[in-house]
Amino acid sequence: MPDTLYYDGQCPLCVKEMDRLRIIKDEQLQLVDIHGLSEPNSPVDKDQLLRVLHLERDGQMVTGIEANVAAWQHTRYGVLWRWMTWPLIRPVVELAYNRWARWRYDRLYRVSK
């Protein structure tokens, strides 16, 4: 069963990365635009999917940097992404990713009050 990466098809940067990934990935990675999901077919609440990257593997969900690194393992460049999970570096990478993800979500989806 292939891994499934859920991405935001309304985020220009996300779409650019998925377009690149689509060309170089193997057949064991499926890319799914969150906006094309119907609620009953969504593995997680749509709002949660939009907040951070999600990858489903063997019925388990991984998120954020872990999802990104896991997706790139389906390419010949996967080894170049693994440093992001090294114990001393991972907290810094996760902090940067989480700040970016929060900014991106707020910019695209935050309702003005």
Protein backbone atom coordinates (compact mmCIF):
# COMPACT_ATOMS: atom_id res chain seq x y z
CA MET A 1 0.00 0.00 0.00
CA PRO A 2 1.51 3.36 -1.00
CA ASP A 3 2.12 6.25 1.39
CA THR A 4 -0.30 9.16 0.94
CA LEU A 5 0.85 12.75 1.27
CA TYR A 6 -1.94 15.28 1.84
CA TYR A 7 -1.05 18.79 0.66
CA ASP A 8 -2.73 22.17 0.32
CA GLY A 9 -3.51 22.76 -3.34
CA GLN A 10 -4.28 26.44 -2.66
CA CYS A 11 -0.80 27.21 -1.29
CA PRO A 12 1.51 28.34 -4.13
CA LEU A 13 4.68 27.09 -2.43
CA CYS A 14 3.05 23.74 -1.59
CA VAL A 15 1.86 23.29 -5.16
CA LYS A 16 5.32 24.11 -6.50
CA GLU A 17 6.91 21.46 -4.24
CA MET A 18 4.25 18.87 -5.14
CA ASP A 19 4.71 19.53 -8.86
CA ARG A 20 8.41 18.82 -8.44
CA LEU A 21 7.81 15.79 -6.23
CA ARG A 22 5.24 14.39 -8.66
CA ILE A 23 7.90 14.23 -11.39
CA ILE A 24 10.61 12.48 -9.36
CA LYS A 25 8.71 10.31 -6.85
CA ASP A 26 8.33 6.56 -7.07
CA GLU A 27 4.99 4.75 -7.41
CA GLN A 28 4.82 4.14 -3.64
CA LEU A 29 3.84 7.76 -2.91
CA GLN A 30 0.40 9.13 -3.68
CA LEU A 31 -0.15 12.92 -3.62
CA VAL A 32 -3.63 14.11 -2.60
CA ASP A 33 -4.86 17.71 -2.69
CA ILE A 34 -6.80 18.30 0.52
CA HIS A 35 -9.33 20.46 -1.31
CA GLY A 36 -10.32 17.49 -3.47
CA LEU A 37 -11.30 15.35 -0.48
CA SER A 38 -14.88 14.87 0.58
CA GLU A 39 -15.39 14.87 4.35
CA PRO A 40 -16.27 11.18 4.64
CA ASN A 41 -13.06 10.27 2.78
CA SER A 42 -10.82 12.53 4.84
CA PRO A 43 -8.52 10.66 7.24
CA VAL A 44 -8.31 13.71 9.52
CA ASP A 45 -10.36 16.88 9.94
CA LYS A 46 -9.76 19.12 6.90
CA ASP A 47 -8.72 22.08 9.07
CA GLN A 48 -6.05 19.93 10.73
CA LEU A 49 -4.81 18.76 7.33
CA LEU A 50 -4.47 22.39 6.23
CA ARG A 51 -2.42 23.41 9.25
CA VAL A 52 0.56 21.09 8.68
CA LEU A 53 1.67 18.54 6.14
CA HIS A 54 0.30 15.01 6.76
CA LEU A 55 1.54 11.68 5.41
CA GLU A 56 -0.36 8.45 5.97
CA ARG A 57 1.79 5.32 6.14
CA ASP A 58 0.46 1.89 7.05
CA GLY A 59 -2.64 3.43 8.64
CA GLN A 60 -0.57 5.79 10.80
CA MET A 61 -0.33 9.55 10.31
CA VAL A 62 2.94 11.49 10.51
CA THR A 63 2.98 15.27 10.35
CA GLY A 64 5.15 18.30 9.76
CA ILE A 65 8.84 17.81 9.09
CA GLU A 66 8.53 14.06 9.62
CA ALA A 67 5.92 13.92 6.83
CA ASN A 68 8.06 16.03 4.52
CA VAL A 69 11.17 13.93 5.06
CA ALA A 70 9.16 10.71 4.66
CA ALA A 71 7.71 11.92 1.35
CA TRP A 72 11.13 12.78 -0.05
CA GLN A 73 12.34 9.26 0.80
CA HIS A 74 10.30 8.22 -2.24
CA THR A 75 12.82 10.01 -4.46
CA ARG A 76 16.49 9.57 -5.20
CA TYR A 77 17.10 12.72 -3.11
CA GLY A 78 15.69 11.28 0.11
CA VAL A 79 19.08 10.98 1.79
CA LEU A 80 19.57 14.75 1.41
CA TRP A 81 16.54 15.41 3.64
CA ARG A 82 17.40 13.06 6.52
CA TRP A 83 19.64 15.56 8.31
CA MET A 84 16.44 17.37 9.34
CA THR A 85 15.65 14.49 11.70
CA TRP A 86 19.03 14.35 13.45
CA PRO A 87 18.51 14.74 17.21
CA LEU A 88 20.34 18.05 17.69
CA ILE A 89 18.97 19.64 14.53
CA ARG A 90 15.38 18.38 14.58
CA PRO A 91 14.09 20.79 17.28
CA VAL A 92 15.35 23.81 15.33
CA VAL A 93 13.93 22.53 12.04
CA GLU A 94 10.58 21.75 13.70
CA LEU A 95 10.44 25.21 15.28
CA ALA A 96 11.12 26.87 11.92
CA TYR A 97 8.61 24.64 10.12
CA ASN A 98 5.89 25.15 12.73
CA ARG A 99 6.29 28.93 12.59
CA TRP A 100 6.16 28.87 8.79
CA ALA A 101 3.12 26.54 8.80
CA ARG A 102 1.27 28.78 11.26
CA TRP A 103 2.08 31.90 9.19
CA ARG A 104 1.01 30.16 5.96
CA TYR A 105 -2.26 28.92 7.48
CA ASP A 106 -3.09 32.34 8.94
CA ARG A 107 -2.30 34.08 5.66
CA LEU A 108 -4.47 31.74 3.58
CA TYR A 109 -7.30 30.72 5.92
CA ARG A 110 -7.60 32.98 8.94
CA VAL A 111 -10.99 34.64 8.98
CA SER A 112 -10.73 38.42 9.38
CA LYS A 113 -12.52 39.76 12.42
